[in-house]
Protein backbone atom coordinates (compact mmCIF):
# COMPACT_ATOMS: atom_id res chain seq x y z
CA MET A 1 115.23 80.24 145.11
CA SER A 2 117.64 83.28 146.12
CA VAL A 3 119.14 82.94 142.16
CA ILE A 4 115.58 83.40 140.83
CA CYS A 5 114.64 86.41 143.00
CA PHE A 6 118.04 87.98 142.39
CA ASP A 7 117.42 87.45 138.54
CA ILE A 8 114.05 89.11 139.08
CA LEU A 9 115.30 91.59 140.98
CA CYS A 10 117.67 92.72 138.07
CA GLN A 11 115.57 92.66 135.47
CA PHE A 12 113.45 95.53 137.12
CA LEU A 13 116.12 97.69 139.09
CA PRO A 14 119.01 99.17 137.39
CA LEU A 15 122.23 97.56 138.57
CA SER A 16 123.39 101.04 140.32
CA LEU A 17 120.01 101.14 142.11
CA PHE A 18 121.09 97.64 143.27
CA LEU A 19 124.51 97.98 144.26
CA TYR A 20 123.53 101.19 146.18
CA THR A 21 120.71 99.31 147.92
CA VAL A 22 123.78 96.65 148.63
CA TYR A 23 126.20 99.33 149.75
CA VAL A 24 123.47 100.95 152.15
CA SER A 25 122.52 97.98 153.52
CA LEU A 26 126.06 96.94 154.52
CA GLN A 27 126.59 100.16 156.09
CA LEU A 28 123.80 99.75 158.38
CA VAL A 29 125.02 96.09 159.11
CA LEU A 30 128.64 97.33 159.89
CA PHE A 31 127.17 100.59 162.10
CA GLY A 32 124.88 98.14 164.13
CA GLU A 33 128.02 95.97 164.78
CA ILE A 34 130.10 99.17 165.87
CA VAL A 35 127.13 100.02 168.59
CA VAL A 36 126.65 96.68 169.92
CA ALA A 37 130.79 96.04 170.13
CA GLN A 38 130.66 99.66 172.01
CA LYS A 39 127.86 98.77 174.47
CA VAL A 40 129.52 95.27 175.25
CA MET A 41 132.45 97.19 176.02
CA TYR A 42 130.53 99.51 178.29
CA ASP A 43 128.93 96.84 180.16
CA LYS A 44 132.06 95.28 180.93
CA PHE A 45 134.58 98.29 181.77
CA MET A 46 132.12 101.06 182.49
CA ASP A 47 133.75 104.39 182.58
CA ASP A 48 137.17 102.62 182.13
CA PHE A 49 136.02 102.49 178.71
CA LEU A 50 133.69 105.19 178.35
CA VAL A 51 136.13 108.10 179.42
CA PRO A 52 139.05 107.57 177.13
CA PHE A 53 136.77 106.70 174.31
CA ILE A 54 134.86 110.01 174.36
CA SER A 55 137.89 112.09 175.44
CA LYS A 56 139.94 110.64 172.82
CA GLY A 57 137.76 109.23 170.29
CA PHE A 58 135.28 112.03 169.86
CA TYR A 59 137.82 114.58 169.92
CA VAL A 60 139.84 113.15 166.92
CA ALA A 61 136.52 112.80 165.00
CA HIS A 62 135.94 116.53 165.81
CA CYS A 63 132.94 115.96 167.50
CA PRO A 64 130.98 118.25 169.56
CA PRO A 65 131.29 118.11 173.20
CA GLU A 66 127.44 118.34 173.66
CA MET A 67 127.02 115.45 171.31
CA ALA A 68 129.47 113.43 172.96
CA GLU A 69 127.86 114.11 176.31
CA GLN A 70 124.43 112.92 174.69
CA TYR A 71 125.88 109.64 173.56
CA ARG A 72 127.36 109.09 177.16
CA GLN A 73 123.87 109.74 178.54
CA LYS A 74 122.05 107.44 175.72
CA LEU A 75 124.76 104.60 176.18
CA GLN A 76 124.12 104.67 180.23
CA VAL A 77 120.46 104.69 180.02
CA SER A 78 120.39 101.91 177.57
CA LEU A 79 122.43 99.54 179.55
CA PHE A 80 119.41 99.86 182.26
CA GLU A 81 116.66 99.29 179.86
């Protein structure tokens, strides 16, 4: 069944658009995996994970301090949802 769907999809979409769609989908999946891993680390280690992660990781990525603080707050709020 999936082979038939792939053949039909290739007939109607240019290959570049199809590959771009696959690329974007993989990026979203990877981003989701990273977010889940960070949440698990925070759930397990709390501030022992969060403080070094924000102070070093966000600094290396040239992330503004306001954005790092916003991330910390959202991560902590999501823990209690």
